Amino acid sequence: MSRTRTAILAALALVAGASGTALAVAPGDTGLAAVPCTVDYKVQNQWDTGFTAAVTVTNNGTAKSSWAVKWSYAGNQKVTSGWNAKISQSGTAVTAANESYNGTLATGGSASFGFQGTYSGTNALPTTFTLDGVTCNVDGGGPTDPGPTDPGTPSTKVDNPYSGAKVYVNPEWSSKAAAEPGGSRISSQPTGVWLDRIAAINGANGGMGLRAHLDAALAQKGSGEEVVQLVVYDLPGRDCSALASNGELGPTEIDKYKAQFIDPIAAILADSKYSSLRIVTTIEIDSLPNLVTNTGSRATATPACDTMLANGNYVKGVGYALHKLGAIPNVYNYIDAGHHGWLGWDDNFAPSATLFKQAATAEGATVNDVHGFITNTANYSALKENNFTINDSVAGKSVRESKWVDWNRYVDELSYAQAFRTQLVSVGFNSGIGMLIDTSRNGWGGTARPTGPGATTSVDTYVDGGRYDRRIHMGNWCNQSGAGLGERPKAAPATGIDAYVWMKPPGESDGSSSAISNDEGKGFDRMCDPTYTGNPRNGNSMSGALANAPLSGHWFSAQFQELMKNAYPAL
């Protein structure tokens, strides 16, 4: 599977004589300077029906402001997605052209890109590559002759993994985004990789598995630092208050969660091949907070959440995940901490911090296994409300008395995340913990975005007229109409905040608008039905959901277009 084609072989010409025989004509030894370009093509990861490959092209000729590498396959290989190049395929012929940001290719300079593909039978390496029509020499390798990507120096644990680092661009999401009209404006943004069922570890439905993503991250990394963002999301009885995000494991299947989900993930992340990556894990969104807000005598309680509180499997599962993943030196665990519209009230705020401490010290875990917390994951709460504060009063009433705020202590995610960090430290978490805020869908821009405070006729007109968050109720969470892309991913944007992130990939549905049969364990939640009139968890309000949505995690083009249209900052 490994071969080297020298410049001399690349220059061989076959001249057919009159008799039909072929004459190989080789030029004299022109030396290394005559090598116009070299291509290093390596299959990084291969499974029964697919593979990922990394390609590096080096230009030894005149400097270029744009470039295109071409090759052909002998078999039935098909490129399905790529990164760091615009890759197209016609039959067996593949073309990889530069992106807008990497078109410059100096003399002696190199460009690297990668892709995922499918095949059946054998996955033979291409034999000939060209750079802008000129044949290059080839140095290739595959799983049977590894020639592996150099993983680099093992990553040293740092205070903020995002500082000074690139963040992995998921090629599967990127290709879907780029295929949308206008999507190329954001298709190079980093998003989270969701491990939301056991099958996702090795790649579900022909998609990339965990190793394939990590291999692609190494290809993107180059010589600098690279963060990979993973969402670890498959607890027994997952998300007990929302049917759309129910999981595959029943309430009692904690042993299966440990042995078939967490243990295989930990084994892959612990591979020394990936030790140079900074691996950020978001641990089990939308589960622990339910034990505080949706159990017991509360009006919002559900039997499923009562069951998970009684059997302790949320706490055990989170503790086990923290313990196993926290033992890996280059893994940074961030526990899901809900959002201000869920835990911002006095009777939720402190009890949640206490429960998180309980989970972080269960099943062998300690607070040292927790690098921080993440808020607003897959939610829509505004980052910063600038037109009113929690301390304002109008017509003799506090903003807290408005119907929208409803006695909450916080009006936006930034103030909540910073305050909750202080509360977490007070219950025993390390003082150096950092917070992440998911800003993928909380921009609330477009023509509906208020430009100033509302009328001071009443506290409600003041708040409703000025708030950026245009949801009907802050308890609405499914495919919200009017939402927009929020702040672009950014390291260390505010005090106590490690990064703004797009952990929820924009364009992936929160849940289906109607019941859809599936084998993913996902139910139909009326909160995703635009005709639904609500329940106690959203003040018996309309759901505010977009129509015609697919299953959670599936591509929802109409939502993606709306998020771009209402982006703030605008695209």
Protein backbone atom coordinates (compact mmCIF):
# COMPACT_ATOMS: atom_id res chain seq x y z
CA MET A 1 0.00 0.00 0.00
CA SER A 2 2.98 2.33 0.20
CA ARG A 3 4.74 3.78 -2.79
CA THR A 4 7.05 6.59 -3.84
CA ARG A 5 7.01 7.91 -7.38
CA THR A 6 10.09 9.99 -8.10
CA ALA A 7 10.23 13.04 -10.33
CA ILE A 8 12.01 10.94 -12.96
CA LEU A 9 9.18 8.40 -13.07
CA ALA A 10 6.66 11.24 -13.12
CA ALA A 11 8.39 12.58 -16.23
CA LEU A 12 8.45 9.29 -18.17
CA ALA A 13 6.84 9.56 -21.57
CA LEU A 14 5.41 6.56 -23.42
CA VAL A 15 5.93 6.91 -27.16
CA ALA A 16 4.06 4.44 -29.31
CA GLY A 17 5.99 3.22 -32.38
CA ALA A 18 4.51 2.24 -35.70
CA SER A 19 4.70 -1.42 -34.69
CA GLY A 20 2.51 -0.74 -31.68
CA THR A 21 5.25 -1.26 -29.12
CA ALA A 22 5.86 1.27 -26.36
CA LEU A 23 9.14 2.99 -25.72
CA ALA A 24 9.86 4.36 -22.23
CA VAL A 25 11.89 7.52 -22.56
CA ALA A 26 13.51 8.86 -19.38
CA PRO A 27 15.17 12.25 -19.23
CA GLY A 28 18.56 12.75 -17.70
CA ASP A 29 18.97 13.16 -13.97
CA THR A 30 17.55 16.60 -13.39
CA GLY A 31 17.91 16.49 -9.60
CA LEU A 32 15.46 17.21 -6.81
CA ALA A 33 14.89 20.78 -7.98
CA ALA A 34 13.00 19.39 -10.99
CA VAL A 35 10.29 17.86 -8.77
CA PRO A 36 7.39 20.23 -9.50
CA CYS A 37 5.31 19.11 -6.53
CA THR A 38 4.85 16.26 -4.10
CA VAL A 39 1.68 14.76 -2.69
CA ASP A 40 1.48 12.80 0.54
CA TYR A 41 -1.78 10.80 0.62
CA LYS A 42 -2.51 8.69 3.68
CA VAL A 43 -5.55 6.67 4.71
CA GLN A 44 -5.83 7.49 8.38
CA ASN A 45 -8.76 5.36 9.41
CA GLN A 46 -10.64 2.63 7.59
CA TRP A 47 -13.67 0.50 8.38
CA ASP A 48 -15.92 -1.90 6.45
CA THR A 49 -17.55 0.68 4.19
CA GLY A 50 -15.63 3.91 4.70
CA PHE A 51 -12.39 5.68 5.39
CA THR A 52 -10.80 9.03 6.17
CA ALA A 53 -7.72 10.31 4.39
CA ALA A 54 -5.25 13.17 4.86
CA VAL A 55 -3.53 14.80 1.89
CA THR A 56 -0.60 17.23 1.91
CA VAL A 57 0.56 18.89 -1.31
CA THR A 58 3.91 20.67 -1.47
CA ASN A 59 4.58 23.17 -4.26
CA ASN A 60 8.17 23.29 -5.53
CA GLY A 61 7.35 25.52 -8.49
CA THR A 62 6.28 29.14 -8.81
CA ALA A 63 4.24 30.56 -5.92
CA LYS A 64 0.47 30.24 -6.38
CA SER A 65 -2.54 32.29 -5.26
CA SER A 66 -4.90 29.38 -5.88
CA TRP A 67 -4.49 25.66 -6.49
CA ALA A 68 -6.26 22.44 -7.38
CA VAL A 69 -5.13 18.87 -6.78
CA LYS A 70 -6.64 16.11 -8.92
CA TRP A 71 -6.55 12.32 -8.83
CA SER A 72 -8.64 9.33 -9.90
CA TYR A 73 -9.64 6.15 -8.13
CA ALA A 74 -9.36 2.69 -9.65
CA GLY A 75 -12.27 1.43 -7.55
CA ASN A 76 -15.66 2.70 -6.42
CA GLN A 77 -14.47 5.15 -3.76
CA LYS A 78 -16.72 8.17 -3.26
CA VAL A 79 -15.79 11.30 -1.32
CA THR A 80 -18.69 12.22 0.99
CA SER A 81 -17.30 15.22 2.89
CA GLY A 82 -14.08 17.14 3.23
CA TRP A 83 -12.30 19.87 5.13
CA ASN A 84 -9.73 22.55 4.29
CA ALA A 85 -10.49 22.14 0.57
CA LYS A 86 -13.47 22.28 -1.78
CA ILE A 87 -13.72 18.70 -2.96
CA SER A 88 -15.82 17.54 -5.91
CA GLN A 89 -16.04 14.24 -7.74
CA SER A 90 -17.18 13.20 -11.20
CA GLY A 91 -17.13 9.45 -11.69
CA THR A 92 -13.74 8.29 -10.43
CA ALA A 93 -12.08 11.72 -10.89
CA VAL A 94 -11.66 13.89 -7.79
CA THR A 95 -10.73 17.58 -7.61
CA ALA A 96 -9.67 19.32 -4.38
CA ALA A 97 -9.45 23.10 -4.75
CA ASN A 98 -8.31 25.60 -2.15
CA GLU A 99 -10.66 27.33 0.26
CA SER A 100 -10.70 31.13 0.39
CA TYR A 101 -8.36 31.10 3.37
CA ASN A 102 -5.63 28.76 2.10
CA GLY A 103 -5.19 29.63 -1.58
CA THR A 104 -1.67 31.02 -1.16
CA LEU A 105 0.93 28.32 -1.83
CA ALA A 106 4.48 29.66 -1.77
CA THR A 107 7.46 27.98 -3.42
CA GLY A 108 8.33 25.19 -0.99
CA GLY A 109 5.02 25.74 0.82
CA SER A 110 2.47 23.05 1.68
CA ALA A 111 -1.29 22.81 2.08
CA SER A 112 -3.11 20.03 3.90
CA PHE A 113 -6.71 18.87 3.60
CA GLY A 114 -8.69 15.79 4.45
CA PHE A 115 -11.89 13.98 3.62
CA GLN A 116 -14.17 11.08 4.41
CA GLY A 117 -15.18 8.58 1.77
CA THR A 118 -17.01 5.32 1.16
CA TYR A 119 -15.91 2.20 -0.71
CA SER A 120 -16.65 -1.48 -1.11
CA GLY A 121 -14.24 -4.28 -1.92
CA THR A 122 -10.74 -2.81 -1.83
CA ASN A 123 -9.62 0.73 -1.13
CA ALA A 124 -6.60 1.00 -3.45
CA LEU A 125 -4.49 4.13 -3.25
CA PRO A 126 -4.52 6.53 -6.21
CA THR A 127 -1.39 6.24 -8.36
CA THR A 128 -1.21 9.69 -9.97
CA PHE A 129 -1.82 13.21 -8.66
CA THR A 130 -1.57 16.57 -10.40
CA LEU A 131 -1.24 20.08 -9.05
CA ASP A 132 -2.77 22.55 -11.52
CA GLY A 133 -2.27 20.02 -14.29
CA VAL A 134 1.35 19.13 -13.48
CA THR A 135 2.03 15.57 -12.34
CA CYS A 136 3.47 15.29 -8.82
CA ASN A 137 5.38 12.55 -7.11
CA VAL A 138 3.40 10.51 -4.62
CA ASP A 139 4.14 9.19 -1.15
CA GLY A 140 1.17 7.32 0.21
CA GLY A 141 0.22 4.92 2.92
CA GLY A 142 -2.76 3.21 4.47
CA PRO A 143 -3.81 1.09 7.40
CA THR A 144 -1.71 -1.87 6.19
CA ASP A 145 1.34 0.36 5.90
CA PRO A 146 0.50 3.09 8.34
CA GLY A 147 2.73 6.07 7.65
CA PRO A 148 0.65 7.69 10.43
CA THR A 149 0.05 11.35 10.96
CA ASP A 150 2.53 12.52 13.58
CA PRO A 151 0.39 13.10 16.66
CA GLY A 152 2.88 15.66 17.94
CA THR A 153 3.94 16.33 21.48
CA PRO A 154 1.44 15.24 24.15
CA SER A 155 -0.70 18.17 25.20
CA THR A 156 0.11 19.74 28.58
CA LYS A 157 -2.94 20.53 30.74
CA VAL A 158 -3.72 24.24 30.59
CA ASP A 159 -6.06 26.55 32.46
CA ASN A 160 -8.17 27.35 29.40
CA PRO A 161 -8.01 24.75 26.62
CA TYR A 162 -9.36 27.23 24.06
CA SER A 163 -6.61 29.81 24.57
CA GLY A 164 -4.12 29.81 21.71
CA ALA A 165 -5.83 26.87 19.97
CA LYS A 166 -7.79 26.19 16.83
CA VAL A 167 -11.06 24.30 17.30
CA TYR A 168 -12.05 21.28 15.21
CA VAL A 169 -14.35 21.87 12.27
CA ASN A 170 -16.62 18.83 11.94
CA PRO A 171 -16.49 17.96 8.21
CA GLU A 172 -19.90 16.29 8.28
CA TRP A 173 -21.62 19.40 9.63
CA SER A 174 -19.45 21.67 7.50
CA SER A 175 -20.44 19.94 4.27
CA LYS A 176 -24.16 20.21 5.12
CA ALA A 177 -23.78 23.88 5.99
CA ALA A 178 -21.78 24.63 2.85
CA ALA A 179 -24.43 22.95 0.69
CA GLU A 180 -27.06 25.43 1.90
CA PRO A 181 -27.52 28.73 0.03
CA GLY A 182 -25.32 31.20 1.91
CA GLY A 183 -24.01 28.47 4.19
CA SER A 184 -20.39 28.91 3.17
CA ARG A 185 -20.35 32.03 5.34
CA ILE A 186 -20.29 29.86 8.46
CA SER A 187 -19.37 26.36 7.27
CA SER A 188 -15.81 26.73 8.60
CA GLN A 189 -17.00 27.38 12.17
CA PRO A 190 -16.22 24.73 14.81
CA THR A 191 -19.15 22.79 16.27
CA GLY A 192 -19.61 19.95 18.75
CA VAL A 193 -19.49 16.26 17.80
CA TRP A 194 -22.44 14.51 19.44
CA LEU A 195 -21.95 11.01 20.82
CA ASP A 196 -25.64 10.46 21.56
CA ARG A 197 -25.87 6.67 21.26
CA ILE A 198 -23.59 3.68 21.42
CA ALA A 199 -23.56 3.31 17.62
CA ALA A 200 -22.16 6.85 17.25
CA ILE A 201 -18.83 5.72 18.72
CA ASN A 202 -18.00 3.71 15.61
CA GLY A 203 -20.13 5.77 13.25
CA ALA A 204 -23.90 5.48 12.86
CA ASN A 205 -25.55 5.07 9.46
CA GLY A 206 -22.26 5.38 7.58
CA GLY A 207 -21.22 8.54 9.42
CA MET A 208 -17.87 9.31 11.01
CA GLY A 209 -17.10 7.57 14.28
CA LEU A 210 -15.09 8.98 17.17
CA ARG A 211 -11.72 7.80 15.82
CA ALA A 212 -12.49 9.23 12.40
CA HIS A 213 -13.21 12.62 13.97
CA LEU A 214 -10.03 12.52 16.05
CA ASP A 215 -7.98 11.54 13.01
CA ALA A 216 -9.51 14.42 11.08
CA ALA A 217 -8.68 16.72 13.98
CA LEU A 218 -5.04 15.65 13.81
CA ALA A 219 -5.06 16.46 10.10
CA GLN A 220 -6.47 19.92 10.83
CA LYS A 221 -4.15 20.50 13.77
CA GLY A 222 -0.89 21.08 11.98
CA SER A 223 1.86 22.22 14.34
CA GLY A 224 -0.39 24.25 16.64
CA GLU A 225 -2.89 23.38 19.35
CA GLU A 226 -6.29 21.93 18.49
CA VAL A 227 -9.45 21.57 20.59
CA VAL A 228 -11.95 18.82 19.80
CA GLN A 229 -15.45 19.30 21.28
CA LEU A 230 -17.45 16.18 22.17
CA VAL A 231 -20.96 15.96 23.62
CA VAL A 232 -21.24 12.80 25.76
CA TYR A 233 -24.98 12.20 25.87
CA ASP A 234 -26.53 8.78 26.49
CA LEU A 235 -27.48 8.47 30.17
CA PRO A 236 -30.03 5.85 31.21
CA GLY A 237 -33.49 7.41 31.08
CA ARG A 238 -31.97 10.46 29.38
CA ASP A 239 -33.67 13.86 29.56
CA CYS A 240 -36.62 12.65 31.62
CA SER A 241 -38.81 15.71 30.93
CA ALA A 242 -38.59 15.80 27.12
CA LEU A 243 -39.61 12.97 24.82
CA ALA A 244 -37.83 14.34 21.74
CA SER A 245 -34.43 13.79 23.33
CA ASN A 246 -35.11 10.51 25.09
CA GLY A 247 -32.27 8.05 24.57
CA GLU A 248 -31.76 4.39 23.81
CA LEU A 249 -31.07 3.24 27.40
CA GLY A 250 -33.79 2.47 29.88
CA PRO A 251 -33.79 3.98 33.41
CA THR A 252 -32.04 0.97 34.97
CA GLU A 253 -29.37 0.32 32.31
CA ILE A 254 -26.50 1.99 34.16
CA ASP A 255 -24.17 -0.98 33.70
CA LYS A 256 -24.71 -0.92 29.93
CA TYR A 257 -24.01 2.82 29.95
CA LYS A 258 -20.71 2.23 31.70
CA ALA A 259 -19.50 -0.82 29.76
CA GLN A 260 -20.81 -0.12 26.26
CA PHE A 261 -20.75 3.69 26.13
CA ILE A 262 -18.30 5.36 28.51
CA ASP A 263 -15.63 2.65 28.59
CA PRO A 264 -15.21 2.49 24.77
CA ILE A 265 -15.09 6.29 24.54
CA ALA A 266 -12.46 6.43 27.28
CA ALA A 267 -10.37 3.74 25.55
CA ILE A 268 -10.28 5.72 22.31
CA LEU A 269 -9.54 9.07 23.96
CA ALA A 270 -6.72 7.47 25.95
CA ASP A 271 -4.94 6.31 22.76
CA SER A 272 -1.53 8.01 22.73
CA LYS A 273 -2.11 8.84 19.06
CA TYR A 274 -4.49 11.58 20.23
CA SER A 275 -2.47 12.84 23.19
CA SER A 276 -1.60 16.12 21.46
CA LEU A 277 -5.25 17.13 21.11
CA ARG A 278 -7.12 19.13 23.72
CA ILE A 279 -10.34 17.15 24.08
CA VAL A 280 -13.27 19.08 25.59
CA THR A 281 -16.22 16.96 26.72
CA THR A 282 -19.70 18.29 27.48
CA ILE A 283 -21.05 15.83 30.02
CA GLU A 284 -24.70 14.76 29.75
CA ILE A 285 -26.83 17.77 28.93
CA ASP A 286 -30.40 18.22 30.20
CA SER A 287 -30.31 15.47 32.81
CA LEU A 288 -29.03 16.51 36.27
CA PRO A 289 -31.04 19.79 36.31
CA ASN A 290 -34.24 17.77 35.87
CA LEU A 291 -33.65 16.14 39.26
CA VAL A 292 -33.97 19.58 40.86
CA THR A 293 -36.79 21.14 38.85
CA ASN A 294 -39.01 18.30 37.64
CA THR A 295 -39.39 15.98 40.62
CA GLY A 296 -41.42 15.63 43.81
CA SER A 297 -44.33 17.96 44.51
CA ARG A 298 -43.48 20.56 41.87
CA ALA A 299 -46.10 21.28 39.24
CA THR A 300 -43.49 20.51 36.59
CA ALA A 301 -42.67 17.05 37.99
CA THR A 302 -42.78 13.99 35.73
CA PRO A 303 -42.90 10.31 36.75
CA ALA A 304 -39.80 9.65 34.64
CA CYS A 305 -37.78 12.27 36.52
CA ASP A 306 -39.01 10.96 39.85
CA THR A 307 -37.74 7.53 38.80
CA MET A 308 -34.27 8.88 37.92
CA LEU A 309 -34.05 10.75 41.21
CA ALA A 310 -35.00 7.62 43.14
CA ASN A 311 -32.62 5.20 41.38
CA GLY A 312 -29.66 7.60 41.36
CA ASN A 313 -28.53 6.63 37.87
CA TYR A 314 -28.10 10.20 36.64
CA VAL A 315 -25.71 10.91 39.49
CA LYS A 316 -23.94 7.57 39.09
CA GLY A 317 -23.65 7.93 35.33
CA VAL A 318 -22.24 11.46 35.43
CA GLY A 319 -19.82 10.49 38.20
CA TYR A 320 -18.60 7.47 36.27
CA ALA A 321 -18.11 9.49 33.08
CA LEU A 322 -16.16 12.18 34.95
CA HIS A 323 -13.99 9.57 36.67
CA LYS A 324 -13.12 7.60 33.51
CA LEU A 325 -12.64 10.57 31.19
CA GLY A 326 -11.03 12.78 33.81
CA ALA A 327 -8.22 10.25 34.21
CA ILE A 328 -7.04 11.04 30.65
CA PRO A 329 -4.50 13.90 30.84
CA ASN A 330 -5.64 15.80 27.75
CA VAL A 331 -9.40 15.60 28.44
CA TYR A 332 -11.26 18.63 29.84
CA ASN A 333 -14.67 17.77 31.34
CA TYR A 334 -17.41 20.42 31.39
CA ILE A 335 -20.68 19.47 33.12
CA ASP A 336 -23.95 20.74 31.69
CA ALA A 337 -25.40 23.48 33.91
CA GLY A 338 -28.74 24.19 32.23
CA HIS A 339 -29.45 27.85 31.48
CA HIS A 340 -30.71 30.93 33.29
CA GLY A 341 -34.31 30.25 32.25
CA TRP A 342 -34.14 26.88 33.98
CA LEU A 343 -31.94 27.21 37.05
CA GLY A 344 -31.90 30.98 37.63
CA TRP A 345 -34.59 31.01 40.30
CA ASP A 346 -33.63 30.92 43.99
CA ASP A 347 -35.14 27.49 44.63
CA ASN A 348 -33.20 25.98 41.70
CA PHE A 349 -29.88 27.83 41.74
CA ALA A 350 -28.15 26.68 44.94
CA PRO A 351 -29.73 23.18 45.01
CA SER A 352 -28.41 22.54 41.49
CA ALA A 353 -24.85 23.44 42.48
CA THR A 354 -25.12 21.08 45.45
CA LEU A 355 -26.43 18.26 43.24
CA PHE A 356 -23.62 18.79 40.73
CA LYS A 357 -21.10 18.45 43.56
CA GLN A 358 -22.76 15.18 44.55
CA ALA A 359 -22.45 13.83 41.00
CA ALA A 360 -18.84 15.06 40.72
CA THR A 361 -17.87 13.00 43.76
CA ALA A 362 -19.77 9.83 42.83
CA GLU A 363 -18.42 6.60 41.34
CA GLY A 364 -14.79 7.45 42.07
CA ALA A 365 -14.88 10.97 40.60
CA THR A 366 -13.51 14.04 42.39
CA VAL A 367 -13.86 17.76 41.73
CA ASN A 368 -10.43 17.57 40.08
CA ASP A 369 -12.11 15.66 37.23
CA VAL A 370 -14.20 18.76 36.47
CA HIS A 371 -12.59 21.50 34.42
CA GLY A 372 -15.71 23.60 34.23
CA PHE A 373 -19.39 23.85 33.29
CA ILE A 374 -21.35 24.73 30.17
CA THR A 375 -24.60 26.70 29.99
CA ASN A 376 -27.26 27.16 27.32
CA THR A 377 -26.29 23.98 25.46
CA ALA A 378 -28.73 23.59 22.54
CA ASN A 379 -30.84 26.40 24.00
CA TYR A 380 -31.82 29.90 22.95
CA SER A 381 -31.31 32.19 25.97
CA ALA A 382 -29.85 35.57 24.99
CA LEU A 383 -26.21 36.09 25.86
CA LYS A 384 -26.61 39.66 27.13
CA GLU A 385 -29.79 41.72 27.46
CA ASN A 386 -28.66 45.33 27.08
CA ASN A 387 -32.02 47.13 27.30
CA PHE A 388 -32.86 46.27 30.91
CA THR A 389 -31.23 44.83 34.02
CA ILE A 390 -32.50 42.79 36.93
CA ASN A 391 -32.20 45.88 39.14
CA ASP A 392 -34.48 48.13 37.05
CA SER A 393 -37.88 49.29 38.30
CA VAL A 394 -40.74 50.65 36.19
CA ALA A 395 -44.05 52.06 37.40
CA GLY A 396 -43.17 51.02 40.94
CA LYS A 397 -42.43 47.42 40.06
CA SER A 398 -39.15 45.52 39.77
CA VAL A 399 -38.17 43.87 36.50
CA ARG A 400 -38.29 40.63 38.46
CA GLU A 401 -42.07 41.06 38.70
CA SER A 402 -42.55 41.13 34.93
CA LYS A 403 -44.25 38.15 33.33
CA TRP A 404 -41.14 37.40 31.27
CA VAL A 405 -38.60 37.40 34.12
CA ASP A 406 -41.12 35.93 36.60
CA TRP A 407 -38.96 36.45 39.73
CA ASN A 408 -35.84 34.97 38.17
CA ARG A 409 -32.56 36.42 39.48
CA TYR A 410 -31.02 36.61 35.99
CA VAL A 411 -32.09 38.01 32.64
CA ASP A 412 -29.38 36.54 30.39
CA GLU A 413 -26.78 33.79 30.08
CA LEU A 414 -23.63 35.78 30.74
CA SER A 415 -24.76 37.08 34.13
CA TYR A 416 -26.11 33.64 35.05
CA ALA A 417 -22.95 31.76 34.02
CA GLN A 418 -20.68 34.12 35.95
CA ALA A 419 -22.85 33.99 39.07
CA PHE A 420 -23.30 30.22 38.91
CA ARG A 421 -19.54 29.80 38.67
CA THR A 422 -19.22 31.64 41.99
CA GLN A 423 -21.89 29.40 43.52
CA LEU A 424 -20.14 26.25 42.28
CA VAL A 425 -16.84 27.33 43.83
CA SER A 426 -18.67 28.02 47.09
CA VAL A 427 -19.87 24.39 47.33
CA GLY A 428 -16.39 22.95 46.79
CA PHE A 429 -15.46 23.04 43.11
CA ASN A 430 -11.98 24.30 42.29
CA SER A 431 -11.60 28.08 42.11
CA GLY A 432 -10.06 27.80 38.64
CA ILE A 433 -13.10 26.27 36.93
CA GLY A 434 -14.18 27.96 33.71
CA MET A 435 -17.53 28.32 32.02
CA LEU A 436 -18.58 27.75 28.43
CA ILE A 437 -21.67 29.35 26.89
CA ASP A 438 -23.32 27.85 23.81
CA THR A 439 -24.04 30.80 21.52
CA SER A 440 -24.97 28.78 18.44
CA ARG A 441 -28.62 29.87 18.39
CA ASN A 442 -29.10 32.79 20.79
CA GLY A 443 -28.36 35.75 18.53
CA TRP A 444 -31.97 36.96 18.10
CA GLY A 445 -31.07 39.45 15.39
CA GLY A 446 -32.98 40.39 12.27
CA THR A 447 -35.75 42.95 11.94
CA ALA A 448 -37.42 41.93 15.24
CA ARG A 449 -34.38 42.85 17.37
CA PRO A 450 -35.23 45.84 19.59
CA THR A 451 -32.94 48.86 19.34
CA GLY A 452 -33.69 50.19 22.81
CA PRO A 453 -35.79 49.73 25.97
CA GLY A 454 -39.51 49.18 25.78
CA ALA A 455 -42.15 51.72 26.79
CA THR A 456 -42.30 52.55 30.50
CA THR A 457 -46.08 52.21 30.61
CA SER A 458 -45.66 49.11 32.76
CA VAL A 459 -42.91 46.74 33.74
CA ASP A 460 -44.18 44.28 31.13
CA THR A 461 -44.13 46.77 28.25
CA TYR A 462 -40.66 47.81 29.37
CA VAL A 463 -39.26 44.26 29.39
CA ASP A 464 -41.19 42.85 26.44
CA GLY A 465 -40.44 45.86 24.26
CA GLY A 466 -36.71 45.72 24.96
CA ARG A 467 -35.79 42.06 25.26
CA TYR A 468 -33.74 40.46 22.50
CA ASP A 469 -35.02 36.96 23.28
CA ARG A 470 -38.28 36.88 21.31
CA ARG A 471 -39.56 33.53 22.52
CA ILE A 472 -43.15 33.36 23.75
CA HIS A 473 -41.86 31.87 27.02
CA MET A 474 -38.30 31.16 28.16
CA GLY A 475 -39.35 27.55 28.83
CA ASN A 476 -39.73 27.00 25.08
CA TRP A 477 -36.79 24.96 23.79
CA CYS A 478 -37.68 23.26 20.51
CA ASN A 479 -36.78 24.69 17.07
CA GLN A 480 -37.67 28.24 18.08
CA SER A 481 -39.10 30.56 15.46
CA GLY A 482 -37.19 33.83 15.07
CA ALA A 483 -33.92 32.57 16.55
CA GLY A 484 -30.57 33.49 15.03
CA LEU A 485 -26.93 32.51 15.16
CA GLY A 486 -25.21 34.09 18.16
CA GLU A 487 -21.68 35.22 18.88
CA ARG A 488 -19.12 33.29 16.86
CA PRO A 489 -16.93 30.86 18.82
CA LYS A 490 -14.35 32.83 20.77
CA ALA A 491 -11.81 32.07 23.52
CA ALA A 492 -11.82 33.93 26.86
CA PRO A 493 -14.50 36.51 25.92
CA ALA A 494 -15.41 37.58 29.48
CA THR A 495 -14.40 37.11 33.11
CA GLY A 496 -14.73 33.47 34.16
CA ILE A 497 -15.77 32.35 30.68
CA ASP A 498 -13.39 29.97 28.90
CA ALA A 499 -15.16 30.35 25.55
CA TYR A 500 -18.29 31.03 23.59
CA VAL A 501 -18.90 27.80 21.65
CA TRP A 502 -21.26 26.34 19.09
CA MET A 503 -21.76 23.04 20.89
CA LYS A 504 -25.13 22.52 19.23
CA PRO A 505 -24.48 22.44 15.47
CA PRO A 506 -26.79 25.04 13.86
CA GLY A 507 -29.26 23.38 11.52
CA GLU A 508 -29.67 20.18 13.52
CA SER A 509 -33.23 19.77 14.73
CA ASP A 510 -34.30 19.73 18.39
CA GLY A 511 -37.11 17.31 17.68
CA SER A 512 -39.79 16.40 15.14
CA SER A 513 -42.98 18.45 14.69
CA SER A 514 -45.00 15.24 14.56
CA ALA A 515 -44.46 11.60 15.46
CA ILE A 516 -41.84 9.90 13.25
CA SER A 517 -41.03 6.20 13.59
CA ASN A 518 -37.29 5.68 14.22
CA ASP A 519 -34.71 3.29 15.67
CA GLU A 520 -32.87 6.00 17.64
CA GLY A 521 -35.04 5.91 20.77
CA LYS A 522 -36.40 9.42 20.05
CA GLY A 523 -39.99 10.14 20.96
CA PHE A 524 -42.40 12.86 19.88
CA ASP A 525 -42.63 15.82 22.23
CA ARG A 526 -45.55 18.21 21.80
CA MET A 527 -43.17 21.09 22.61
CA CYS A 528 -41.91 20.60 19.03
CA ASP A 529 -45.43 20.88 17.61
CA PRO A 530 -46.19 24.47 16.54
CA THR A 531 -49.89 23.97 17.38
CA TYR A 532 -49.23 22.90 20.99
CA THR A 533 -50.71 25.16 23.67
CA GLY A 534 -48.24 24.24 26.39
CA ASN A 535 -47.84 22.78 29.88
CA PRO A 536 -46.72 24.03 33.32
CA ARG A 537 -43.05 24.01 32.23
CA ASN A 538 -43.70 26.77 29.68
CA GLY A 539 -46.50 28.60 31.48
CA ASN A 540 -49.12 26.87 29.31
CA SER A 541 -47.96 28.97 26.35
CA MET A 542 -47.73 28.18 22.65
CA SER A 543 -44.58 26.20 21.83
CA GLY A 544 -43.13 28.71 19.35
CA ALA A 545 -41.68 25.80 17.35
CA LEU A 546 -41.07 25.79 13.61
CA ALA A 547 -43.22 23.47 11.50
CA ASN A 548 -42.11 20.43 9.51
CA ALA A 549 -39.09 19.62 11.66
CA PRO A 550 -37.32 16.24 11.41
CA LEU A 551 -36.08 14.05 14.28
CA SER A 552 -33.69 15.59 16.77
CA GLY A 553 -30.16 15.72 15.40
CA HIS A 554 -31.33 15.48 11.79
CA TRP A 555 -30.72 18.28 9.31
CA PHE A 556 -33.41 20.98 9.28
CA SER A 557 -32.77 23.27 6.34
CA ALA A 558 -35.55 25.75 7.11
CA GLN A 559 -34.19 26.30 10.61
CA PHE A 560 -30.64 26.74 9.30
CA GLN A 561 -31.81 29.43 6.89
CA GLU A 562 -33.72 31.23 9.64
CA LEU A 563 -30.70 31.13 11.96
CA MET A 564 -28.56 32.77 9.28
CA LYS A 565 -31.23 35.38 8.49
CA ASN A 566 -31.53 36.37 12.17
CA ALA A 567 -27.86 36.11 13.10
CA TYR A 568 -26.48 38.63 15.57
CA PRO A 569 -23.84 39.79 14.95
CA ALA A 570 -25.17 39.70 11.39
CA LEU A 571 -23.33 37.60 8.82
